[in-house]
Amino acid sequence: MVLEQIAFGLFALITVASSLGVVLVRDVWHAALLLGVALSSVAIHYVMLQAEFLAAMQILVYIGGVLILITFGVMLTRREPTAESQEVGT
């Protein structure tokens, strides 16, 4: 019983910390990775509640779908700075 409470507290701390990281980090790529950590820890909470189906749907739908969509969106819309834009900015 004590071990379950320690595990719950650990994963709750991971969930809160990574959720704060999603909001506070400036890089979109790192925010997407932290969102994946937060969603994974929520799936672990579902397993601890013995709701394995919800945990599987959390992984398949949110991590497998939404997070991959965000990742492709970031990769496809990111622009690399060119020499002309660097000269104008200085």
N, C-alpha and C. Protein backbone atom coordinates (compact mmCIF):
# COMPACT_ATOMS: atom_id res chain seq x y z
N MET A 1 0.82 -1.20 0.00
CA MET A 1 0.00 0.00 0.00
C MET A 1 0.86 1.26 0.00
N VAL A 2 1.93 1.25 0.78
CA VAL A 2 2.81 2.41 0.85
C VAL A 2 3.56 2.56 -0.47
N LEU A 3 3.95 1.45 -1.07
CA LEU A 3 4.66 1.49 -2.34
C LEU A 3 3.78 2.07 -3.44
N GLU A 4 2.48 1.75 -3.43
CA GLU A 4 1.56 2.32 -4.41
C GLU A 4 1.42 3.82 -4.23
N GLN A 5 1.38 4.29 -2.99
CA GLN A 5 1.28 5.73 -2.75
C GLN A 5 2.54 6.46 -3.17
N ILE A 6 3.70 5.83 -2.97
CA ILE A 6 4.95 6.44 -3.41
C ILE A 6 4.99 6.52 -4.93
N ALA A 7 4.56 5.45 -5.60
CA ALA A 7 4.54 5.45 -7.07
C ALA A 7 3.56 6.48 -7.60
N PHE A 8 2.39 6.58 -6.95
CA PHE A 8 1.41 7.60 -7.36
C PHE A 8 1.98 9.01 -7.20
N GLY A 9 2.60 9.26 -6.08
CA GLY A 9 3.20 10.58 -5.84
C GLY A 9 4.30 10.89 -6.83
N LEU A 10 5.11 9.90 -7.16
CA LEU A 10 6.20 10.10 -8.14
C LEU A 10 5.64 10.44 -9.51
N PHE A 11 4.66 9.68 -9.96
CA PHE A 11 4.10 9.94 -11.28
C PHE A 11 3.25 11.21 -11.30
N ALA A 12 2.64 11.57 -10.18
CA ALA A 12 1.92 12.84 -10.11
C ALA A 12 2.91 14.00 -10.22
N LEU A 13 4.06 13.88 -9.57
CA LEU A 13 5.09 14.90 -9.67
C LEU A 13 5.63 15.02 -11.10
N ILE A 14 5.82 13.89 -11.76
CA ILE A 14 6.27 13.90 -13.15
C ILE A 14 5.23 14.55 -14.05
N THR A 15 3.95 14.24 -13.81
CA THR A 15 2.88 14.83 -14.61
C THR A 15 2.83 16.34 -14.45
N VAL A 16 2.88 16.81 -13.23
CA VAL A 16 2.80 18.25 -12.97
C VAL A 16 4.03 18.97 -13.52
N ALA A 17 5.21 18.39 -13.31
CA ALA A 17 6.44 19.03 -13.76
C ALA A 17 6.50 19.11 -15.29
N SER A 18 6.14 18.04 -15.96
CA SER A 18 6.19 18.06 -17.42
C SER A 18 5.08 18.95 -17.99
N SER A 19 3.94 19.03 -17.32
CA SER A 19 2.89 19.93 -17.78
C SER A 19 3.30 21.39 -17.64
N LEU A 20 3.97 21.71 -16.55
CA LEU A 20 4.51 23.06 -16.40
C LEU A 20 5.59 23.33 -17.44
N GLY A 21 6.37 22.33 -17.74
CA GLY A 21 7.40 22.48 -18.77
C GLY A 21 6.81 22.75 -20.14
N VAL A 22 5.68 22.12 -20.45
CA VAL A 22 5.01 22.37 -21.73
C VAL A 22 4.62 23.84 -21.85
N VAL A 23 4.16 24.42 -20.77
CA VAL A 23 3.70 25.80 -20.80
C VAL A 23 4.87 26.78 -20.77
N LEU A 24 5.91 26.47 -20.04
CA LEU A 24 6.97 27.43 -19.79
C LEU A 24 8.14 27.38 -20.76
N VAL A 25 8.34 26.26 -21.44
CA VAL A 25 9.49 26.16 -22.34
C VAL A 25 9.24 26.96 -23.60
N ARG A 26 10.29 27.52 -24.17
CA ARG A 26 10.13 28.41 -25.32
C ARG A 26 10.18 27.66 -26.65
N ASP A 27 10.87 26.54 -26.70
CA ASP A 27 11.02 25.79 -27.94
C ASP A 27 9.81 24.86 -28.14
N VAL A 28 9.22 24.91 -29.31
CA VAL A 28 8.02 24.12 -29.58
C VAL A 28 8.34 22.62 -29.59
N TRP A 29 9.50 22.28 -30.09
CA TRP A 29 9.89 20.86 -30.14
C TRP A 29 10.01 20.28 -28.73
N HIS A 30 10.63 21.01 -27.82
CA HIS A 30 10.76 20.52 -26.45
C HIS A 30 9.40 20.50 -25.75
N ALA A 31 8.54 21.43 -26.09
CA ALA A 31 7.18 21.42 -25.52
C ALA A 31 6.43 20.17 -25.97
N ALA A 32 6.60 19.77 -27.23
CA ALA A 32 5.94 18.56 -27.73
C ALA A 32 6.48 17.32 -27.02
N LEU A 33 7.78 17.28 -26.78
CA LEU A 33 8.35 16.13 -26.07
C LEU A 33 7.87 16.08 -24.62
N LEU A 34 7.79 17.22 -23.98
CA LEU A 34 7.28 17.24 -22.62
C LEU A 34 5.80 16.89 -22.56
N LEU A 35 5.05 17.23 -23.61
CA LEU A 35 3.65 16.81 -23.68
C LEU A 35 3.56 15.29 -23.76
N GLY A 36 4.47 14.68 -24.50
CA GLY A 36 4.51 13.22 -24.56
C GLY A 36 4.79 12.60 -23.21
N VAL A 37 5.67 13.20 -22.43
CA VAL A 37 5.95 12.71 -21.07
C VAL A 37 4.72 12.85 -20.19
N ALA A 38 4.04 13.99 -20.28
CA ALA A 38 2.84 14.21 -19.47
C ALA A 38 1.74 13.22 -19.83
N LEU A 39 1.53 13.00 -21.12
CA LEU A 39 0.48 12.07 -21.54
C LEU A 39 0.84 10.63 -21.17
N SER A 40 2.11 10.28 -21.21
CA SER A 40 2.53 8.94 -20.80
C SER A 40 2.31 8.72 -19.31
N SER A 41 2.59 9.72 -18.52
CA SER A 41 2.39 9.56 -17.08
C SER A 41 0.90 9.49 -16.73
N VAL A 42 0.06 10.16 -17.51
CA VAL A 42 -1.38 10.02 -17.31
C VAL A 42 -1.82 8.59 -17.64
N ALA A 43 -1.23 8.00 -18.68
CA ALA A 43 -1.54 6.61 -19.00
C ALA A 43 -1.11 5.68 -17.87
N ILE A 44 0.00 5.99 -17.22
CA ILE A 44 0.44 5.18 -16.08
C ILE A 44 -0.54 5.33 -14.92
N HIS A 45 -1.10 6.51 -14.74
CA HIS A 45 -2.13 6.69 -13.71
C HIS A 45 -3.35 5.81 -14.00
N TYR A 46 -3.72 5.72 -15.27
CA TYR A 46 -4.84 4.85 -15.63
C TYR A 46 -4.54 3.39 -15.30
N VAL A 47 -3.31 2.96 -15.54
CA VAL A 47 -2.93 1.58 -15.21
C VAL A 47 -2.99 1.37 -13.71
N MET A 48 -2.56 2.36 -12.95
CA MET A 48 -2.62 2.24 -11.49
C MET A 48 -4.06 2.17 -10.99
N LEU A 49 -4.99 2.77 -11.73
CA LEU A 49 -6.42 2.70 -11.38
C LEU A 49 -7.09 1.45 -11.94
N GLN A 50 -6.31 0.55 -12.55
CA GLN A 50 -6.78 -0.68 -13.17
C GLN A 50 -7.76 -0.41 -14.30
N ALA A 51 -7.49 0.63 -15.06
CA ALA A 51 -8.28 0.96 -16.25
C ALA A 51 -7.35 0.82 -17.46
N GLU A 52 -7.03 -0.43 -17.79
CA GLU A 52 -6.05 -0.70 -18.83
C GLU A 52 -6.54 -0.27 -20.21
N PHE A 53 -7.84 -0.38 -20.45
CA PHE A 53 -8.37 0.04 -21.75
C PHE A 53 -8.18 1.55 -21.95
N LEU A 54 -8.47 2.33 -20.92
CA LEU A 54 -8.26 3.77 -21.02
C LEU A 54 -6.79 4.11 -21.21
N ALA A 55 -5.91 3.36 -20.55
CA ALA A 55 -4.47 3.58 -20.72
C ALA A 55 -4.05 3.28 -22.16
N ALA A 56 -4.59 2.21 -22.73
CA ALA A 56 -4.26 1.87 -24.11
C ALA A 56 -4.79 2.92 -25.07
N MET A 57 -5.98 3.42 -24.83
CA MET A 57 -6.53 4.48 -25.68
C MET A 57 -5.76 5.79 -25.52
N GLN A 58 -5.30 6.06 -24.32
CA GLN A 58 -4.48 7.24 -24.08
C GLN A 58 -3.20 7.17 -24.91
N ILE A 59 -2.59 6.00 -24.92
CA ILE A 59 -1.35 5.84 -25.67
C ILE A 59 -1.61 5.88 -27.17
N LEU A 60 -2.63 5.15 -27.62
CA LEU A 60 -2.89 5.08 -29.07
C LEU A 60 -3.40 6.40 -29.64
N VAL A 61 -4.36 7.01 -28.98
CA VAL A 61 -4.99 8.21 -29.54
C VAL A 61 -4.16 9.45 -29.29
N TYR A 62 -3.83 9.70 -28.05
CA TYR A 62 -3.17 10.96 -27.73
C TYR A 62 -1.69 10.93 -28.08
N ILE A 63 -0.98 9.93 -27.61
CA ILE A 63 0.45 9.90 -27.90
C ILE A 63 0.68 9.50 -29.34
N GLY A 64 -0.04 8.49 -29.80
CA GLY A 64 0.17 8.02 -31.17
C GLY A 64 -0.40 8.94 -32.23
N GLY A 65 -1.44 9.65 -31.92
CA GLY A 65 -2.08 10.49 -32.93
C GLY A 65 -1.75 11.96 -32.79
N VAL A 66 -2.15 12.53 -31.70
CA VAL A 66 -2.01 13.97 -31.51
C VAL A 66 -0.54 14.38 -31.44
N LEU A 67 0.26 13.65 -30.68
CA LEU A 67 1.66 14.03 -30.53
C LEU A 67 2.43 13.87 -31.83
N ILE A 68 2.14 12.83 -32.59
CA ILE A 68 2.80 12.65 -33.89
C ILE A 68 2.37 13.76 -34.85
N LEU A 69 1.11 14.16 -34.79
CA LEU A 69 0.64 15.27 -35.63
C LEU A 69 1.35 16.57 -35.28
N ILE A 70 1.52 16.84 -34.00
CA ILE A 70 2.26 18.03 -33.58
C ILE A 70 3.71 17.94 -34.03
N THR A 71 4.30 16.78 -33.92
CA THR A 71 5.69 16.60 -34.33
C THR A 71 5.87 16.86 -35.82
N PHE A 72 4.99 16.30 -36.65
CA PHE A 72 5.08 16.56 -38.08
C PHE A 72 4.82 18.02 -38.40
N GLY A 73 3.88 18.63 -37.70
CA GLY A 73 3.62 20.05 -37.91
C GLY A 73 4.82 20.91 -37.59
N VAL A 74 5.51 20.59 -36.52
CA VAL A 74 6.72 21.35 -36.15
C VAL A 74 7.82 21.13 -37.18
N MET A 75 7.99 19.89 -37.59
CA MET A 75 9.07 19.59 -38.53
C MET A 75 8.82 20.20 -39.90
N LEU A 76 7.57 20.23 -40.34
CA LEU A 76 7.28 20.73 -41.68
C LEU A 76 7.18 22.24 -41.75
N THR A 77 6.91 22.92 -40.66
CA THR A 77 6.76 24.37 -40.71
C THR A 77 7.95 25.13 -40.17
N ARG A 78 8.92 24.45 -39.65
CA ARG A 78 10.10 25.13 -39.10
C ARG A 78 10.96 25.64 -40.25
N ARG A 79 11.33 26.90 -40.17
CA ARG A 79 12.19 27.50 -41.19
C ARG A 79 13.58 27.69 -40.63
N GLU A 80 14.55 27.34 -41.44
CA GLU A 80 15.94 27.57 -41.06
C GLU A 80 16.31 28.99 -41.45
N PRO A 81 17.03 29.70 -40.61
CA PRO A 81 17.43 31.07 -40.98
C PRO A 81 18.38 31.07 -42.16
N THR A 82 18.12 31.96 -43.10
CA THR A 82 18.99 32.09 -44.26
C THR A 82 19.97 33.22 -44.04
N ALA A 83 20.92 33.34 -44.93
CA ALA A 83 21.94 34.39 -44.81
C ALA A 83 21.30 35.77 -44.98
N GLU A 84 20.29 35.89 -45.86
CA GLU A 84 19.64 37.18 -46.07
C GLU A 84 18.87 37.62 -44.84
N SER A 85 18.17 36.70 -44.19
CA SER A 85 17.39 37.10 -43.02
C SER A 85 18.30 37.42 -41.84
N GLN A 86 19.47 36.82 -41.77
CA GLN A 86 20.40 37.15 -40.71
C GLN A 86 21.02 38.52 -40.92
N GLU A 87 21.26 38.90 -42.19
CA GLU A 87 21.83 40.21 -42.45
C GLU A 87 20.83 41.32 -42.17
N VAL A 88 19.56 41.09 -42.47
CA VAL A 88 18.52 42.10 -42.24
C VAL A 88 18.32 42.30 -40.74
N GLY A 89 18.43 41.21 -39.96
CA GLY A 89 18.18 41.29 -38.53
C GLY A 89 19.26 42.01 -37.78
N THR A 90 20.45 42.13 -38.35
CA THR A 90 21.55 42.78 -37.60
C THR A 90 21.63 44.25 -37.85
